Amino acid sequence: MSSHSHSSHSAHGDESHGSFGSYMIGFVLSVVLTAAAFGVVLAGWATGTQALYAIAGLGLVQIIVHLVFFLHMNTSSGQRWNVTAFAFTVLTAVIVIGGTLWVMHNVSMNMMSR
């Protein structure tokens, strides 16, 4: 029985878990990106559409930082199914959100009151 518990434990031994250093790098990057987003708005580094694109870009970079440093997603063979599931989730969200926006835009453009 102990060999069974040992083999099931060793099956998880090859999964990559972050070190203290990688968590600290992720934390510092997250704080810097959050401060930069606040700086764009509060300090007026960009206005209007430029601010929107800057905040969206910083948010996208922060998502990548979280995926790499906190969720440990990478291109290793052990993470292949996690990355595939995440890609499918993103694709589904893009289809649902994009389709909704497209339908709502067409409804708005084709209303009889216009």
N, C-alpha and C. Protein backbone atom coordinates (compact mmCIF):
# COMPACT_ATOMS: atom_id res chain seq x y z
N MET A 1 0.82 -1.19 0.00
CA MET A 1 0.00 0.00 0.00
C MET A 1 0.87 1.25 0.00
N SER A 2 1.99 1.20 0.69
CA SER A 2 2.84 2.39 0.73
C SER A 2 3.47 2.67 -0.62
N SER A 3 3.72 1.62 -1.43
CA SER A 3 4.29 1.86 -2.75
C SER A 3 3.28 2.56 -3.66
N HIS A 4 1.99 2.25 -3.45
CA HIS A 4 0.96 2.91 -4.24
C HIS A 4 0.89 4.41 -3.90
N SER A 5 0.92 4.71 -2.61
CA SER A 5 0.87 6.12 -2.23
C SER A 5 2.13 6.85 -2.68
N HIS A 6 3.26 6.13 -2.68
CA HIS A 6 4.50 6.76 -3.14
C HIS A 6 4.44 7.03 -4.64
N SER A 7 3.90 6.09 -5.42
CA SER A 7 3.84 6.29 -6.87
C SER A 7 2.86 7.40 -7.24
N SER A 8 1.75 7.51 -6.51
CA SER A 8 0.81 8.59 -6.82
C SER A 8 1.40 9.93 -6.42
N HIS A 9 2.23 9.93 -5.35
CA HIS A 9 2.87 11.18 -4.95
C HIS A 9 3.95 11.58 -5.95
N SER A 10 4.70 10.60 -6.49
CA SER A 10 5.75 10.92 -7.43
C SER A 10 5.19 11.35 -8.78
N ALA A 11 3.93 11.00 -9.06
CA ALA A 11 3.32 11.44 -10.31
C ALA A 11 3.16 12.94 -10.34
N HIS A 12 3.03 13.55 -9.15
CA HIS A 12 2.90 15.00 -9.08
C HIS A 12 4.24 15.68 -8.86
N GLY A 13 5.30 14.91 -8.72
CA GLY A 13 6.61 15.48 -8.43
C GLY A 13 7.21 16.21 -9.61
N ASP A 14 6.80 15.86 -10.83
CA ASP A 14 7.39 16.52 -11.99
C ASP A 14 6.68 17.81 -12.36
N GLU A 15 5.59 18.14 -11.67
CA GLU A 15 4.90 19.40 -11.94
C GLU A 15 5.74 20.55 -11.42
N SER A 16 5.76 21.63 -12.18
CA SER A 16 6.59 22.76 -11.76
C SER A 16 5.81 23.66 -10.82
N HIS A 17 6.35 23.84 -9.65
CA HIS A 17 5.79 24.76 -8.67
C HIS A 17 6.78 25.90 -8.53
N GLY A 18 6.26 27.08 -8.32
CA GLY A 18 7.13 28.24 -8.28
C GLY A 18 7.99 28.30 -7.04
N SER A 19 9.11 28.96 -7.18
CA SER A 19 9.98 29.21 -6.05
C SER A 19 9.61 30.56 -5.44
N PHE A 20 10.17 30.83 -4.29
CA PHE A 20 9.92 32.12 -3.65
C PHE A 20 10.35 33.26 -4.57
N GLY A 21 11.49 33.09 -5.24
CA GLY A 21 11.99 34.12 -6.14
C GLY A 21 11.06 34.39 -7.31
N SER A 22 10.50 33.32 -7.90
CA SER A 22 9.60 33.53 -9.04
C SER A 22 8.30 34.19 -8.59
N TYR A 23 7.82 33.82 -7.38
CA TYR A 23 6.62 34.49 -6.87
C TYR A 23 6.90 35.97 -6.60
N MET A 24 8.07 36.28 -6.10
CA MET A 24 8.41 37.68 -5.82
C MET A 24 8.54 38.48 -7.12
N ILE A 25 9.14 37.87 -8.15
CA ILE A 25 9.24 38.54 -9.45
C ILE A 25 7.83 38.82 -9.99
N GLY A 26 6.95 37.83 -9.91
CA GLY A 26 5.57 38.02 -10.36
C GLY A 26 4.85 39.09 -9.57
N PHE A 27 5.06 39.09 -8.26
CA PHE A 27 4.43 40.10 -7.41
C PHE A 27 4.91 41.50 -7.76
N VAL A 28 6.24 41.67 -7.90
CA VAL A 28 6.80 42.99 -8.22
C VAL A 28 6.31 43.45 -9.59
N LEU A 29 6.31 42.57 -10.57
CA LEU A 29 5.81 42.94 -11.90
C LEU A 29 4.34 43.34 -11.84
N SER A 30 3.54 42.62 -11.05
CA SER A 30 2.12 42.95 -10.92
C SER A 30 1.92 44.31 -10.28
N VAL A 31 2.70 44.61 -9.25
CA VAL A 31 2.60 45.91 -8.58
C VAL A 31 3.01 47.03 -9.54
N VAL A 32 4.11 46.82 -10.27
CA VAL A 32 4.59 47.84 -11.23
C VAL A 32 3.55 48.08 -12.32
N LEU A 33 2.97 47.01 -12.86
CA LEU A 33 1.96 47.17 -13.91
C LEU A 33 0.71 47.86 -13.39
N THR A 34 0.29 47.53 -12.16
CA THR A 34 -0.87 48.18 -11.57
C THR A 34 -0.58 49.66 -11.33
N ALA A 35 0.60 49.97 -10.80
CA ALA A 35 0.98 51.37 -10.56
C ALA A 35 1.06 52.13 -11.88
N ALA A 36 1.54 51.48 -12.93
CA ALA A 36 1.61 52.14 -14.24
C ALA A 36 0.21 52.46 -14.76
N ALA A 37 -0.74 51.54 -14.57
CA ALA A 37 -2.11 51.81 -15.00
C ALA A 37 -2.72 52.97 -14.23
N PHE A 38 -2.47 53.01 -12.91
CA PHE A 38 -2.95 54.15 -12.13
C PHE A 38 -2.24 55.43 -12.57
N GLY A 39 -0.96 55.33 -12.90
CA GLY A 39 -0.22 56.50 -13.35
C GLY A 39 -0.75 57.06 -14.66
N VAL A 40 -1.16 56.18 -15.55
CA VAL A 40 -1.74 56.63 -16.83
C VAL A 40 -2.95 57.51 -16.57
N VAL A 41 -3.77 57.10 -15.59
CA VAL A 41 -5.01 57.84 -15.32
C VAL A 41 -4.77 59.04 -14.42
N LEU A 42 -4.13 58.82 -13.28
CA LEU A 42 -4.01 59.88 -12.29
C LEU A 42 -3.01 60.97 -12.68
N ALA A 43 -1.90 60.59 -13.30
CA ALA A 43 -0.90 61.58 -13.68
C ALA A 43 -1.18 62.17 -15.06
N GLY A 44 -2.14 61.60 -15.76
CA GLY A 44 -2.49 62.12 -17.07
C GLY A 44 -1.44 61.85 -18.13
N TRP A 45 -0.71 60.73 -18.00
CA TRP A 45 0.31 60.39 -18.99
C TRP A 45 -0.29 60.20 -20.37
N ALA A 46 -1.55 59.80 -20.42
CA ALA A 46 -2.27 59.64 -21.69
C ALA A 46 -3.72 60.01 -21.43
N THR A 47 -4.40 60.44 -22.47
CA THR A 47 -5.80 60.82 -22.33
C THR A 47 -6.61 60.18 -23.44
N GLY A 48 -7.90 60.05 -23.18
CA GLY A 48 -8.83 59.56 -24.19
C GLY A 48 -8.53 58.15 -24.66
N THR A 49 -8.50 58.00 -25.97
CA THR A 49 -8.29 56.70 -26.58
C THR A 49 -6.90 56.15 -26.27
N GLN A 50 -5.90 57.03 -26.19
CA GLN A 50 -4.55 56.57 -25.85
C GLN A 50 -4.53 55.95 -24.46
N ALA A 51 -5.22 56.54 -23.51
CA ALA A 51 -5.28 56.00 -22.15
C ALA A 51 -5.99 54.65 -22.16
N LEU A 52 -7.05 54.52 -22.93
CA LEU A 52 -7.77 53.26 -23.01
C LEU A 52 -6.87 52.16 -23.55
N TYR A 53 -6.15 52.44 -24.62
CA TYR A 53 -5.23 51.45 -25.19
C TYR A 53 -4.08 51.14 -24.24
N ALA A 54 -3.57 52.14 -23.54
CA ALA A 54 -2.47 51.92 -22.60
C ALA A 54 -2.92 51.03 -21.45
N ILE A 55 -4.10 51.29 -20.90
CA ILE A 55 -4.61 50.49 -19.79
C ILE A 55 -4.91 49.07 -20.25
N ALA A 56 -5.50 48.93 -21.43
CA ALA A 56 -5.78 47.60 -21.96
C ALA A 56 -4.49 46.83 -22.21
N GLY A 57 -3.47 47.48 -22.73
CA GLY A 57 -2.18 46.83 -22.95
C GLY A 57 -1.52 46.41 -21.65
N LEU A 58 -1.55 47.29 -20.65
CA LEU A 58 -0.99 46.94 -19.34
C LEU A 58 -1.76 45.79 -18.71
N GLY A 59 -3.07 45.77 -18.88
CA GLY A 59 -3.88 44.68 -18.36
C GLY A 59 -3.56 43.36 -19.04
N LEU A 60 -3.33 43.39 -20.35
CA LEU A 60 -2.97 42.19 -21.09
C LEU A 60 -1.62 41.65 -20.63
N VAL A 61 -0.66 42.54 -20.43
CA VAL A 61 0.65 42.12 -19.93
C VAL A 61 0.51 41.54 -18.52
N GLN A 62 -0.35 42.12 -17.70
CA GLN A 62 -0.53 41.61 -16.34
C GLN A 62 -1.18 40.22 -16.36
N ILE A 63 -2.08 39.98 -17.28
CA ILE A 63 -2.66 38.64 -17.42
C ILE A 63 -1.57 37.63 -17.74
N ILE A 64 -0.67 37.98 -18.64
CA ILE A 64 0.43 37.08 -18.99
C ILE A 64 1.35 36.85 -17.80
N VAL A 65 1.64 37.90 -17.03
CA VAL A 65 2.48 37.76 -15.83
C VAL A 65 1.82 36.79 -14.85
N HIS A 66 0.52 36.91 -14.64
CA HIS A 66 -0.18 36.03 -13.71
C HIS A 66 -0.17 34.59 -14.21
N LEU A 67 -0.38 34.40 -15.50
CA LEU A 67 -0.38 33.04 -16.05
C LEU A 67 0.98 32.37 -15.90
N VAL A 68 2.04 33.12 -16.11
CA VAL A 68 3.38 32.54 -16.08
C VAL A 68 3.89 32.37 -14.65
N PHE A 69 3.79 33.42 -13.85
CA PHE A 69 4.43 33.40 -12.53
C PHE A 69 3.56 32.79 -11.43
N PHE A 70 2.25 32.86 -11.55
CA PHE A 70 1.39 32.36 -10.48
C PHE A 70 0.68 31.06 -10.86
N LEU A 71 0.26 30.92 -12.11
CA LEU A 71 -0.38 29.67 -12.54
C LEU A 71 0.61 28.71 -13.19
N HIS A 72 1.84 29.14 -13.37
CA HIS A 72 2.94 28.32 -13.87
C HIS A 72 2.64 27.71 -15.24
N MET A 73 1.96 28.46 -16.10
CA MET A 73 1.71 27.96 -17.44
C MET A 73 2.95 28.23 -18.29
N ASN A 74 3.40 27.18 -18.97
CA ASN A 74 4.55 27.31 -19.86
C ASN A 74 4.40 26.31 -20.98
N THR A 75 5.42 26.16 -21.78
CA THR A 75 5.33 25.30 -22.96
C THR A 75 5.86 23.90 -22.70
N SER A 76 6.06 23.52 -21.44
CA SER A 76 6.54 22.17 -21.15
C SER A 76 5.46 21.14 -21.46
N SER A 77 5.89 19.91 -21.67
CA SER A 77 4.92 18.86 -22.02
C SER A 77 3.95 18.58 -20.87
N GLY A 78 4.37 18.81 -19.64
CA GLY A 78 3.49 18.60 -18.49
C GLY A 78 2.36 19.60 -18.43
N GLN A 79 2.52 20.75 -19.04
CA GLN A 79 1.50 21.80 -19.02
C GLN A 79 0.66 21.81 -20.29
N ARG A 80 0.88 20.88 -21.20
CA ARG A 80 0.19 20.91 -22.50
C ARG A 80 -1.32 20.94 -22.36
N TRP A 81 -1.89 20.10 -21.48
CA TRP A 81 -3.34 20.07 -21.34
C TRP A 81 -3.87 21.32 -20.67
N ASN A 82 -3.14 21.86 -19.72
CA ASN A 82 -3.57 23.11 -19.08
C ASN A 82 -3.59 24.25 -20.09
N VAL A 83 -2.56 24.34 -20.91
CA VAL A 83 -2.50 25.41 -21.92
C VAL A 83 -3.59 25.21 -22.96
N THR A 84 -3.84 23.96 -23.35
CA THR A 84 -4.90 23.68 -24.33
C THR A 84 -6.27 24.06 -23.76
N ALA A 85 -6.53 23.70 -22.52
CA ALA A 85 -7.81 24.06 -21.89
C ALA A 85 -7.95 25.57 -21.77
N PHE A 86 -6.86 26.24 -21.42
CA PHE A 86 -6.91 27.70 -21.31
C PHE A 86 -7.17 28.34 -22.68
N ALA A 87 -6.50 27.84 -23.72
CA ALA A 87 -6.70 28.38 -25.07
C ALA A 87 -8.14 28.18 -25.53
N PHE A 88 -8.72 27.01 -25.23
CA PHE A 88 -10.12 26.76 -25.58
C PHE A 88 -11.04 27.71 -24.83
N THR A 89 -10.75 27.96 -23.56
CA THR A 89 -11.56 28.90 -22.77
C THR A 89 -11.50 30.30 -23.35
N VAL A 90 -10.29 30.74 -23.72
CA VAL A 90 -10.13 32.07 -24.31
C VAL A 90 -10.87 32.15 -25.64
N LEU A 91 -10.74 31.13 -26.49
CA LEU A 91 -11.43 31.12 -27.78
C LEU A 91 -12.94 31.18 -27.59
N THR A 92 -13.46 30.42 -26.65
CA THR A 92 -14.90 30.43 -26.38
C THR A 92 -15.36 31.80 -25.89
N ALA A 93 -14.58 32.41 -24.99
CA ALA A 93 -14.93 33.74 -24.49
C ALA A 93 -14.90 34.77 -25.61
N VAL A 94 -13.91 34.70 -26.49
CA VAL A 94 -13.82 35.64 -27.61
C VAL A 94 -15.02 35.47 -28.54
N ILE A 95 -15.40 34.23 -28.82
CA ILE A 95 -16.55 34.00 -29.70
C ILE A 95 -17.83 34.53 -29.06
N VAL A 96 -18.04 34.23 -27.78
CA VAL A 96 -19.27 34.66 -27.11
C VAL A 96 -19.32 36.19 -26.99
N ILE A 97 -18.24 36.80 -26.52
CA ILE A 97 -18.22 38.26 -26.34
C ILE A 97 -18.25 38.97 -27.69
N GLY A 98 -17.42 38.52 -28.63
CA GLY A 98 -17.40 39.14 -29.96
C GLY A 98 -18.73 38.98 -30.67
N GLY A 99 -19.33 37.78 -30.58
CA GLY A 99 -20.63 37.57 -31.22
C GLY A 99 -21.71 38.43 -30.60
N THR A 100 -21.68 38.57 -29.29
CA THR A 100 -22.67 39.42 -28.62
C THR A 100 -22.53 40.87 -29.06
N LEU A 101 -21.30 41.36 -29.09
CA LEU A 101 -21.08 42.74 -29.53
C LEU A 101 -21.50 42.94 -30.98
N TRP A 102 -21.23 41.97 -31.83
CA TRP A 102 -21.60 42.06 -33.24
C TRP A 102 -23.12 42.07 -33.39
N VAL A 103 -23.82 41.18 -32.69
CA VAL A 103 -25.28 41.14 -32.77
C VAL A 103 -25.88 42.44 -32.24
N MET A 104 -25.38 42.91 -31.09
CA MET A 104 -25.92 44.14 -30.51
C MET A 104 -25.67 45.35 -31.41
N HIS A 105 -24.50 45.38 -32.06
CA HIS A 105 -24.22 46.47 -33.00
C HIS A 105 -25.17 46.43 -34.18
N ASN A 106 -25.39 45.23 -34.74
CA ASN A 106 -26.31 45.12 -35.87
C ASN A 106 -27.74 45.45 -35.48
N VAL A 107 -28.16 45.06 -34.28
CA VAL A 107 -29.50 45.40 -33.81
C VAL A 107 -29.61 46.91 -33.69
N SER A 108 -28.59 47.54 -33.13
CA SER A 108 -28.62 48.99 -32.97
C SER A 108 -28.66 49.71 -34.33
N MET A 109 -27.91 49.22 -35.31
CA MET A 109 -27.87 49.86 -36.61
C MET A 109 -29.17 49.64 -37.40
N ASN A 110 -29.87 48.58 -37.12
CA ASN A 110 -31.05 48.24 -37.91
C ASN A 110 -32.36 48.49 -37.18
N MET A 111 -32.33 49.28 -36.13
CA MET A 111 -33.57 49.58 -35.41
C MET A 111 -34.46 50.44 -36.28
N MET A 112 -35.75 50.26 -36.15
CA MET A 112 -36.69 51.00 -36.98
C MET A 112 -36.73 52.46 -36.60
N SER A 113 -36.34 52.81 -35.40
CA SER A 113 -36.42 54.21 -34.98
C SER A 113 -35.30 55.06 -35.59
N ARG A 114 -34.34 54.45 -36.19
CA ARG A 114 -33.22 55.23 -36.75
C ARG A 114 -33.55 55.78 -38.09
